[in-house]
C-alpha cells in the first residue's frame, strides 16, 4: 500500500510536466535593431566575424571579402583558385579556417592587421633606402 501513494505523486508530477506547469519559465519577448545592410560583391556562402567585431569576412565563390567595421564595400579581397563552402574564424589564433566538403580540403589563414606608418619627413639616421626603419615614438602621450 505504501507504493500506491508514491506512484500517484509521480504520476501527478509527470502530468504537470507534460502539460506545462505554470511554474515553468515562460518565453520572453525579444527586441532587435537592424545595424547594417549592404549588398555583397557576390553570392554569400558563409560569414565570420573577428573577436573584436572590427572585421567581417564574407565567403563567396573563390573569394573572401573582408569588410572593416561593417563598411559597404570590402577593403580587402582574398582570392583562391579553388572554391570553399564553409568558413569560421578562430579568436584564439586569429586564423580564418576555410573548408571544402567536396574535395576534403581545409585551409587555415593567419590574419594579421598591418598598419602603415608614414615616416617621410621625420628625423632619421642612416641611409634613406635602408630595408628596415626603426620608428621611435618618444613624444607619445
Protein backbone atom coordinates (compact mmCIF):
# COMPACT_ATOMS: atom_id res chain seq x y z
CA UNK A 1 0.00 0.00 0.00
CA UNK A 2 2.87 2.42 0.51
CA UNK A 3 3.82 2.17 -3.14
CA UNK A 4 0.48 3.42 -4.42
CA UNK A 5 0.69 6.98 -2.94
CA UNK A 6 4.27 7.36 -4.26
CA UNK A 7 3.09 6.32 -7.70
CA UNK A 8 0.26 8.87 -7.54
CA UNK A 9 2.64 11.70 -6.70
CA UNK A 10 4.94 10.62 -9.53
CA UNK A 11 2.02 10.46 -11.98
CA UNK A 12 0.77 13.93 -10.98
CA UNK A 13 4.26 15.42 -11.36
CA UNK A 14 4.65 13.78 -14.77
CA UNK A 15 1.26 15.09 -15.88
CA UNK A 16 2.17 18.63 -14.80
CA UNK A 17 5.48 18.42 -16.63
CA UNK A 18 3.93 17.18 -19.87
CA UNK A 19 1.06 19.67 -19.92
CA UNK A 20 3.21 22.64 -18.99
CA UNK A 21 3.30 23.62 -15.39
CA UNK A 22 2.63 27.28 -14.57
CA UNK A 23 5.84 27.13 -12.55
CA UNK A 24 7.90 26.57 -15.70
CA UNK A 25 9.66 29.61 -17.19
CA UNK A 26 7.72 31.34 -19.91
CA UNK A 27 9.47 32.62 -23.05
CA UNK A 28 10.36 36.29 -23.02
CA UNK A 29 9.96 38.78 -25.82
CA UNK A 30 12.94 39.88 -27.89
CA UNK A 31 13.79 43.27 -29.34
CA UNK A 32 16.03 43.78 -32.35
CA UNK A 33 17.55 46.64 -34.31
CA UNK A 34 19.00 46.47 -37.82
CA UNK A 35 22.66 47.54 -37.56
CA UNK A 36 23.64 47.42 -41.23
CA UNK A 37 22.52 46.03 -44.56
CA UNK A 38 24.59 46.01 -47.74
CA UNK A 39 24.96 44.12 -51.00
CA UNK A 40 27.83 41.61 -51.03
CA UNK A 41 30.16 41.51 -54.04
CA UNK A 42 28.90 38.01 -54.95
CA UNK A 43 26.61 35.28 -53.59
CA UNK A 44 27.49 34.88 -49.87
CA UNK A 45 28.16 31.28 -48.85
CA UNK A 46 29.23 31.84 -45.24
CA UNK A 47 30.29 34.62 -42.88
CA UNK A 48 32.61 35.01 -39.91
CA UNK A 49 33.43 37.92 -37.63
CA UNK A 50 36.57 38.74 -35.65
CA UNK A 51 36.50 38.61 -31.86
CA UNK A 52 36.56 42.39 -31.51
CA UNK A 53 33.88 42.84 -34.17
CA UNK A 54 36.13 45.03 -36.33
CA UNK A 55 36.36 42.61 -39.27
CA UNK A 56 33.58 40.84 -41.15
CA UNK A 57 34.60 38.03 -43.52
CA UNK A 58 32.15 37.10 -46.29
CA UNK A 59 32.88 33.88 -48.19
CA UNK A 60 31.84 33.99 -51.84
CA UNK A 61 32.73 31.55 -54.65
CA UNK A 62 36.54 31.64 -54.99
CA UNK A 63 36.92 34.66 -52.73
CA UNK A 64 36.75 36.05 -49.20
CA UNK A 65 35.70 39.70 -48.96
CA UNK A 66 36.96 41.46 -45.82
CA UNK A 67 34.86 44.34 -44.52
CA UNK A 68 36.04 46.76 -41.86
CA UNK A 69 33.53 47.91 -39.25
CA UNK A 70 30.69 46.77 -41.49
CA UNK A 71 31.55 49.15 -44.32
CA UNK A 72 29.51 48.98 -47.52
CA UNK A 73 32.47 47.84 -49.64
CA UNK A 74 35.25 45.40 -48.76
CA UNK A 75 38.69 46.86 -48.10
CA UNK A 76 40.42 43.58 -49.00
CA UNK A 77 39.67 40.60 -51.25
CA UNK A 78 41.40 37.26 -50.66
CA UNK A 79 41.14 35.17 -53.82
CA UNK A 80 41.57 31.41 -54.21
CA UNK A 81 41.94 29.13 -57.21
CA UNK A 82 39.65 26.63 -55.51
CA UNK A 83 36.16 27.10 -54.07
CA UNK A 84 35.33 26.73 -50.39
CA UNK A 85 31.86 26.23 -48.95
CA UNK A 86 32.31 26.94 -45.23
CA UNK A 87 34.34 29.28 -43.09
CA UNK A 88 34.95 30.07 -39.41
CA UNK A 89 37.20 32.46 -37.51
CA UNK A 90 39.36 31.34 -34.58
CA UNK A 91 39.61 34.07 -31.94
CA UNK A 92 42.48 32.43 -30.08
CA UNK A 93 44.78 32.08 -33.11
CA UNK A 94 43.46 34.93 -35.31
CA UNK A 95 43.00 32.41 -38.09
CA UNK A 96 40.40 32.10 -40.81
CA UNK A 97 39.56 28.43 -41.45
CA UNK A 98 38.05 27.52 -44.82
CA UNK A 99 36.72 24.11 -45.82
CA UNK A 100 35.58 22.40 -49.00
CA UNK A 101 33.43 19.35 -48.28
CA UNK A 102 33.61 18.00 -51.84
CA UNK A 103 37.43 17.92 -52.03
CA UNK A 104 38.03 17.35 -48.29
CA UNK A 105 40.23 20.46 -48.21
CA UNK A 106 40.91 22.57 -45.12
CA UNK A 107 42.82 25.83 -45.50
CA UNK A 108 43.91 27.88 -42.47
CA UNK A 109 44.91 31.53 -42.95
CA UNK A 110 46.54 33.60 -40.23
CA UNK A 111 45.01 37.08 -40.24
CA UNK A 112 47.30 39.96 -39.23
CA UNK A 113 46.33 43.61 -39.35
CA UNK A 114 49.17 45.66 -40.83
CA UNK A 115 49.31 49.40 -40.15
CA UNK A 116 51.28 51.67 -42.48
CA UNK A 117 53.36 54.22 -40.59
CA UNK A 118 54.38 57.23 -42.66
CA UNK A 119 57.98 58.19 -41.84
CA UNK A 120 58.66 60.60 -44.73
CA UNK A 121 59.82 63.95 -43.39
CA UNK A 122 60.60 62.56 -39.94
CA UNK A 123 64.12 62.80 -38.48
CA UNK A 124 66.16 59.74 -39.40
CA UNK A 125 69.64 58.34 -39.03
CA UNK A 126 71.28 56.26 -41.73
CA UNK A 127 70.59 55.78 -45.44
CA UNK A 128 67.12 56.64 -46.77
CA UNK A 129 66.87 53.37 -48.71
CA UNK A 130 67.57 51.14 -45.70
CA UNK A 131 65.49 47.92 -45.74
CA UNK A 132 64.35 48.48 -42.14
CA UNK A 133 63.20 51.68 -40.44
CA UNK A 134 63.02 51.83 -36.66
CA UNK A 135 60.43 54.39 -35.54
CA UNK A 136 60.63 55.77 -32.00
CA UNK A 137 57.53 57.40 -30.53
CA UNK A 138 59.19 59.24 -27.65
CA UNK A 139 56.66 62.09 -27.53
CA UNK A 140 53.65 59.76 -27.24
CA UNK A 141 51.27 60.92 -24.53
